[in-house]
Amino acid sequence: MLHYAVIFFVIALIAAVFGFGGIAAGAAGIAKILFVVFLVMAVASFLINLAKGR
């Protein structure tokens, strides 16, 4: 999931450099959403593993 967030972030940067504002904004929005989903899943996984360990 983090991999896809980084890919969309790079796409947003490249699109911004070439002046495609709409595409850059869309890719940046997708990257933000994927990063938040990654963080939520990482924290949930950590808490589940912590609970199972005890």
N, C-alpha and C. Protein backbone atom coordinates (compact mmCIF):
# COMPACT_ATOMS: atom_id res chain seq x y z
N MET A 1 0.83 -1.18 0.00
CA MET A 1 0.00 0.00 0.00
C MET A 1 0.88 1.25 0.00
N LEU A 2 1.92 1.23 0.79
CA LEU A 2 2.83 2.38 0.83
C LEU A 2 3.52 2.54 -0.51
N HIS A 3 3.79 1.45 -1.17
CA HIS A 3 4.43 1.48 -2.48
C HIS A 3 3.57 2.25 -3.48
N TYR A 4 2.27 1.99 -3.49
CA TYR A 4 1.37 2.68 -4.41
C TYR A 4 1.25 4.16 -4.05
N ALA A 5 1.29 4.49 -2.78
CA ALA A 5 1.24 5.89 -2.37
C ALA A 5 2.46 6.64 -2.88
N VAL A 6 3.62 6.01 -2.80
CA VAL A 6 4.85 6.64 -3.29
C VAL A 6 4.80 6.79 -4.81
N ILE A 7 4.28 5.79 -5.50
CA ILE A 7 4.17 5.87 -6.96
C ILE A 7 3.27 7.04 -7.37
N PHE A 8 2.10 7.18 -6.72
CA PHE A 8 1.21 8.28 -7.07
C PHE A 8 1.83 9.63 -6.70
N PHE A 9 2.62 9.67 -5.65
CA PHE A 9 3.30 10.91 -5.28
C PHE A 9 4.31 11.30 -6.35
N VAL A 10 5.06 10.34 -6.85
CA VAL A 10 6.03 10.61 -7.91
C VAL A 10 5.31 11.05 -9.19
N ILE A 11 4.20 10.41 -9.51
CA ILE A 11 3.41 10.83 -10.67
C ILE A 11 2.94 12.27 -10.50
N ALA A 12 2.51 12.62 -9.29
CA ALA A 12 2.06 13.99 -9.03
C ALA A 12 3.20 14.99 -9.20
N LEU A 13 4.38 14.63 -8.73
CA LEU A 13 5.53 15.53 -8.89
C LEU A 13 5.89 15.73 -10.35
N ILE A 14 5.92 14.64 -11.11
CA ILE A 14 6.26 14.73 -12.53
C ILE A 14 5.21 15.54 -13.28
N ALA A 15 3.93 15.30 -12.98
CA ALA A 15 2.86 16.05 -13.64
C ALA A 15 2.94 17.53 -13.29
N ALA A 16 3.28 17.85 -12.06
CA ALA A 16 3.39 19.25 -11.65
C ALA A 16 4.54 19.95 -12.38
N VAL A 17 5.65 19.23 -12.56
CA VAL A 17 6.80 19.81 -13.27
C VAL A 17 6.43 20.15 -14.70
N PHE A 18 5.65 19.30 -15.34
CA PHE A 18 5.27 19.52 -16.73
C PHE A 18 4.04 20.40 -16.88
N GLY A 19 3.44 20.84 -15.78
CA GLY A 19 2.36 21.80 -15.85
C GLY A 19 0.96 21.21 -15.94
N PHE A 20 0.81 19.93 -15.68
CA PHE A 20 -0.51 19.31 -15.69
C PHE A 20 -1.10 19.39 -14.29
N GLY A 21 -1.70 20.53 -13.97
CA GLY A 21 -2.18 20.79 -12.62
C GLY A 21 -3.27 19.85 -12.16
N GLY A 22 -4.23 19.55 -13.05
CA GLY A 22 -5.34 18.68 -12.67
C GLY A 22 -4.88 17.26 -12.38
N ILE A 23 -4.00 16.77 -13.21
CA ILE A 23 -3.48 15.41 -13.01
C ILE A 23 -2.63 15.35 -11.75
N ALA A 24 -1.84 16.39 -11.53
CA ALA A 24 -0.98 16.43 -10.34
C ALA A 24 -1.84 16.45 -9.07
N ALA A 25 -2.91 17.24 -9.08
CA ALA A 25 -3.77 17.31 -7.90
C ALA A 25 -4.47 15.98 -7.65
N GLY A 26 -4.92 15.34 -8.72
CA GLY A 26 -5.58 14.05 -8.57
C GLY A 26 -4.65 12.98 -8.04
N ALA A 27 -3.44 12.92 -8.59
CA ALA A 27 -2.46 11.93 -8.13
C ALA A 27 -2.04 12.20 -6.70
N ALA A 28 -1.90 13.47 -6.34
CA ALA A 28 -1.53 13.80 -4.95
C ALA A 28 -2.65 13.41 -4.00
N GLY A 29 -3.89 13.61 -4.40
CA GLY A 29 -5.02 13.22 -3.56
C GLY A 29 -5.07 11.72 -3.35
N ILE A 30 -4.84 10.96 -4.41
CA ILE A 30 -4.81 9.50 -4.29
C ILE A 30 -3.67 9.06 -3.39
N ALA A 31 -2.51 9.70 -3.54
CA ALA A 31 -1.35 9.34 -2.70
C ALA A 31 -1.66 9.60 -1.23
N LYS A 32 -2.32 10.71 -0.92
CA LYS A 32 -2.66 11.00 0.47
C LYS A 32 -3.62 9.96 1.04
N ILE A 33 -4.62 9.60 0.25
CA ILE A 33 -5.59 8.59 0.72
C ILE A 33 -4.91 7.25 0.97
N LEU A 34 -4.08 6.82 0.03
CA LEU A 34 -3.39 5.54 0.18
C LEU A 34 -2.45 5.55 1.38
N PHE A 35 -1.80 6.69 1.63
CA PHE A 35 -0.89 6.77 2.77
C PHE A 35 -1.66 6.67 4.09
N VAL A 36 -2.82 7.32 4.16
CA VAL A 36 -3.63 7.24 5.38
C VAL A 36 -4.13 5.81 5.58
N VAL A 37 -4.56 5.16 4.51
CA VAL A 37 -5.01 3.76 4.61
C VAL A 37 -3.85 2.89 5.09
N PHE A 38 -2.64 3.13 4.56
CA PHE A 38 -1.47 2.37 4.99
C PHE A 38 -1.22 2.57 6.48
N LEU A 39 -1.29 3.81 6.95
CA LEU A 39 -1.04 4.07 8.37
C LEU A 39 -2.07 3.37 9.25
N VAL A 40 -3.34 3.43 8.87
CA VAL A 40 -4.39 2.79 9.65
C VAL A 40 -4.17 1.28 9.70
N MET A 41 -3.85 0.69 8.55
CA MET A 41 -3.62 -0.76 8.51
C MET A 41 -2.37 -1.15 9.30
N ALA A 42 -1.33 -0.32 9.26
CA ALA A 42 -0.10 -0.62 10.00
C ALA A 42 -0.35 -0.57 11.51
N VAL A 43 -1.08 0.44 11.96
CA VAL A 43 -1.39 0.54 13.39
C VAL A 43 -2.29 -0.60 13.83
N ALA A 44 -3.29 -0.94 13.02
CA ALA A 44 -4.19 -2.05 13.36
C ALA A 44 -3.41 -3.36 13.44
N SER A 45 -2.52 -3.58 12.50
CA SER A 45 -1.71 -4.79 12.50
C SER A 45 -0.81 -4.85 13.74
N PHE A 46 -0.22 -3.73 14.09
CA PHE A 46 0.63 -3.67 15.27
C PHE A 46 -0.16 -3.99 16.53
N LEU A 47 -1.36 -3.42 16.64
CA LEU A 47 -2.17 -3.65 17.84
C LEU A 47 -2.67 -5.09 17.91
N ILE A 48 -3.02 -5.67 16.78
CA ILE A 48 -3.48 -7.06 16.76
C ILE A 48 -2.34 -8.00 17.16
N ASN A 49 -1.16 -7.75 16.61
CA ASN A 49 0.00 -8.59 16.96
C ASN A 49 0.41 -8.41 18.41
N LEU A 50 0.24 -7.21 18.94
CA LEU A 50 0.55 -6.97 20.33
C LEU A 50 -0.43 -7.71 21.25
N ALA A 51 -1.70 -7.72 20.85
CA ALA A 51 -2.72 -8.41 21.65
C ALA A 51 -2.54 -9.93 21.59
N LYS A 52 -2.17 -10.46 20.44
CA LYS A 52 -1.97 -11.91 20.30
C LYS A 52 -0.72 -12.38 21.02
N GLY A 53 0.25 -11.51 21.16
CA GLY A 53 1.50 -11.89 21.81
C GLY A 53 1.35 -12.13 23.29
N ARG A 54 0.30 -11.61 23.89
CA ARG A 54 0.12 -11.76 25.34
C ARG A 54 -0.92 -12.74 25.68
